[in-house]
Amino acid sequence: MKKVNLLSVAKAILTFVLFAGILNACSNSTSSGEEEHEPVGFVIYEGNTELVSQNISGEVNGNLTVETNSSTTFRVAFIDVDGEVFTPDKAEHSLQFQTVDGSGSFSITQENANEPFLFAITGESGGNSSLTFQLLHVGAVEFESATVPVTITSSN
């Protein structure tokens, strides 16, 4: 019969435990131990009021309204497959906006780099227009919004 070397068995067990630990650590890539949310929709708020949302099927409800020569600040949050509203890690995510031509015009600014999910719309001329945006994760597109309607009203 072959003798079993206790040192060889101990090395094999230690190697297996270390390898299993590394695999487990790699499978949980979130730094805080929280579940990573995958965006499938979004919500746009003015303060605490929900103005626009895009559900899982891509349907957009609501619209944004701003006055000409005036700015309004909005906040974007995202919806995951379970319907939970969440805000992505701001150190790794940002927004990129595109305006869509219409009968009215507006500009979009993001003035606070520490709050990448806040943006302001300034009405330039009355009418209807729209916007789209992308959620970027370390520069790569993670989510693209449907078209969001924007109404620019005349200031009195």
Protein backbone atom coordinates (compact mmCIF):
# COMPACT_ATOMS: atom_id res chain seq x y z
CA MET A 1 0.00 0.00 0.00
CA LYS A 2 1.06 3.54 -0.72
CA LYS A 3 1.82 5.80 2.22
CA VAL A 4 -0.14 9.08 2.39
CA ASN A 5 2.06 12.05 3.05
CA LEU A 6 0.29 14.23 5.61
CA LEU A 7 2.08 17.37 4.37
CA SER A 8 0.90 16.78 0.78
CA VAL A 9 -2.71 16.33 1.92
CA ALA A 10 -2.53 19.51 4.03
CA LYS A 11 -1.14 21.49 1.06
CA ALA A 12 -3.89 20.16 -1.21
CA ILE A 13 -6.61 21.10 1.27
CA LEU A 14 -5.14 24.57 1.83
CA THR A 15 -4.86 25.14 -1.94
CA PHE A 16 -8.50 24.09 -2.40
CA VAL A 17 -9.72 26.41 0.41
CA LEU A 18 -7.76 29.37 -0.99
CA PHE A 19 -9.02 28.73 -4.53
CA ALA A 20 -12.64 28.45 -3.33
CA GLY A 21 -12.24 31.69 -1.37
CA ILE A 22 -10.88 33.54 -4.41
CA LEU A 23 -13.74 32.30 -6.60
CA ASN A 24 -16.30 33.38 -4.00
CA ALA A 25 -14.71 36.83 -3.69
CA CYS A 26 -14.71 37.31 -7.46
CA SER A 27 -18.36 36.34 -7.79
CA ASN A 28 -19.38 39.13 -5.38
CA SER A 29 -17.87 42.17 -7.06
CA THR A 30 -19.89 44.79 -5.17
CA SER A 31 -17.73 46.53 -2.63
CA SER A 32 -20.46 47.06 -0.04
CA GLY A 33 -21.87 43.54 -0.18
CA GLU A 34 -25.16 44.91 -1.52
CA GLU A 35 -26.88 43.45 -4.54
CA GLU A 36 -26.02 45.20 -7.81
CA HIS A 37 -29.17 46.68 -9.41
CA GLU A 38 -29.64 46.40 -13.16
CA PRO A 39 -31.61 49.39 -14.52
CA VAL A 40 -34.61 48.60 -16.73
CA GLY A 41 -36.52 51.86 -16.28
CA PHE A 42 -36.25 55.28 -14.67
CA VAL A 43 -38.05 57.95 -12.69
CA ILE A 44 -37.50 61.71 -12.96
CA TYR A 45 -38.35 63.82 -9.92
CA GLU A 46 -38.69 67.53 -9.22
CA GLY A 47 -37.99 67.65 -5.51
CA ASN A 48 -39.93 64.65 -4.16
CA THR A 49 -42.60 64.76 -6.88
CA GLU A 50 -42.44 62.07 -9.56
CA LEU A 51 -42.95 63.67 -12.97
CA VAL A 52 -41.87 61.09 -15.54
CA SER A 53 -41.29 57.35 -15.44
CA GLN A 54 -40.32 54.61 -17.86
CA ASN A 55 -41.49 51.15 -16.84
CA ILE A 56 -39.91 47.79 -17.62
CA SER A 57 -41.74 47.55 -20.96
CA GLY A 58 -40.28 50.92 -22.07
CA GLU A 59 -43.52 52.91 -21.79
CA VAL A 60 -42.99 56.55 -20.71
CA ASN A 61 -45.60 58.27 -18.54
CA GLY A 62 -45.61 62.00 -17.79
CA ASN A 63 -43.62 64.93 -19.09
CA LEU A 64 -41.28 67.69 -17.92
CA THR A 65 -42.44 71.31 -17.99
CA VAL A 66 -40.23 74.39 -17.76
CA GLU A 67 -40.80 78.09 -18.41
CA THR A 68 -38.88 80.11 -20.95
CA ASN A 69 -35.98 82.07 -19.44
CA SER A 70 -36.19 79.93 -16.30
CA SER A 71 -34.34 76.85 -15.01
CA THR A 72 -35.80 73.88 -13.19
CA THR A 73 -33.73 71.18 -11.46
CA PHE A 74 -34.65 67.52 -11.79
CA ARG A 75 -33.27 64.25 -10.40
CA VAL A 76 -33.07 60.84 -12.11
CA ALA A 77 -33.38 57.52 -10.29
CA PHE A 78 -33.63 54.08 -11.85
CA ILE A 79 -35.96 51.09 -11.61
CA ASP A 80 -34.70 47.48 -11.47
CA VAL A 81 -36.50 44.30 -12.62
CA ASP A 82 -38.13 43.95 -9.19
CA GLY A 83 -39.64 47.44 -9.47
CA GLU A 84 -37.28 48.89 -6.85
CA VAL A 85 -36.21 52.50 -7.32
CA PHE A 86 -32.49 53.01 -6.76
CA THR A 87 -29.67 55.47 -7.36
CA PRO A 88 -26.48 53.97 -8.83
CA ASP A 89 -23.05 54.48 -7.28
CA LYS A 90 -22.19 58.06 -8.21
CA ALA A 91 -18.44 57.33 -8.18
CA GLU A 92 -18.85 54.94 -11.13
CA HIS A 93 -21.94 56.27 -12.96
CA SER A 94 -22.87 59.42 -14.85
CA LEU A 95 -25.58 60.68 -17.21
CA GLN A 96 -25.23 61.85 -20.79
CA PHE A 97 -28.12 63.81 -22.35
CA GLN A 98 -29.28 64.42 -25.91
CA THR A 99 -31.96 66.93 -26.88
CA VAL A 100 -34.44 66.11 -29.61
CA ASP A 101 -35.62 68.96 -31.85
CA GLY A 102 -39.21 70.08 -31.63
CA SER A 103 -41.26 73.27 -31.76
CA GLY A 104 -39.64 74.55 -28.54
CA SER A 105 -36.05 74.65 -27.39
CA PHE A 106 -34.21 74.22 -24.11
CA SER A 107 -30.75 73.56 -22.75
CA ILE A 108 -29.59 70.99 -20.20
CA THR A 109 -26.85 71.52 -17.65
CA GLN A 110 -25.29 69.30 -15.02
CA GLU A 111 -23.55 71.71 -12.69
CA ASN A 112 -22.64 69.49 -9.73
CA ALA A 113 -20.13 66.71 -10.48
CA ASN A 114 -20.74 65.33 -6.97
CA GLU A 115 -24.42 64.78 -7.82
CA PRO A 116 -24.39 63.21 -11.31
CA PHE A 117 -28.11 62.40 -11.27
CA LEU A 118 -29.20 66.06 -10.91
CA PHE A 119 -29.72 68.17 -14.02
CA ALA A 120 -31.31 71.52 -14.87
CA ILE A 121 -33.39 72.40 -17.90
CA THR A 122 -33.57 76.03 -19.02
CA GLY A 123 -36.42 76.96 -21.36
CA GLU A 124 -35.29 78.96 -24.38
CA SER A 125 -38.37 79.18 -26.60
CA GLY A 126 -41.95 78.00 -26.07
CA GLY A 127 -43.26 74.77 -27.55
CA ASN A 128 -42.74 71.04 -27.26
CA SER A 129 -39.50 69.12 -27.51
CA SER A 130 -37.93 66.08 -25.87
CA LEU A 131 -34.76 64.53 -24.53
CA THR A 132 -33.10 61.18 -24.12
CA PHE A 133 -30.30 60.16 -21.80
CA GLN A 134 -27.87 57.36 -21.14
CA LEU A 135 -26.63 55.98 -17.85
CA LEU A 136 -22.90 55.45 -18.19
CA HIS A 137 -20.99 52.99 -16.01
CA VAL A 138 -17.31 53.92 -16.06
CA GLY A 139 -17.86 55.50 -19.49
CA ALA A 140 -19.77 52.59 -21.07
CA VAL A 141 -23.53 52.76 -21.75
CA GLU A 142 -25.45 50.69 -19.19
CA PHE A 143 -28.97 52.01 -19.89
CA GLU A 144 -30.65 54.14 -22.59
CA SER A 145 -33.88 55.97 -21.87
CA ALA A 146 -36.90 56.22 -24.09
CA THR A 147 -37.80 59.71 -25.32
CA VAL A 148 -38.91 62.05 -22.53
CA PRO A 149 -41.36 64.82 -23.59
CA VAL A 150 -40.48 68.37 -22.52
CA THR A 151 -42.97 71.28 -22.66
CA ILE A 152 -41.56 74.80 -22.61
CA THR A 153 -44.19 77.35 -21.57
CA SER A 154 -44.07 81.11 -22.00
CA SER A 155 -43.18 82.96 -18.81
CA ASN A 156 -45.65 85.61 -17.77
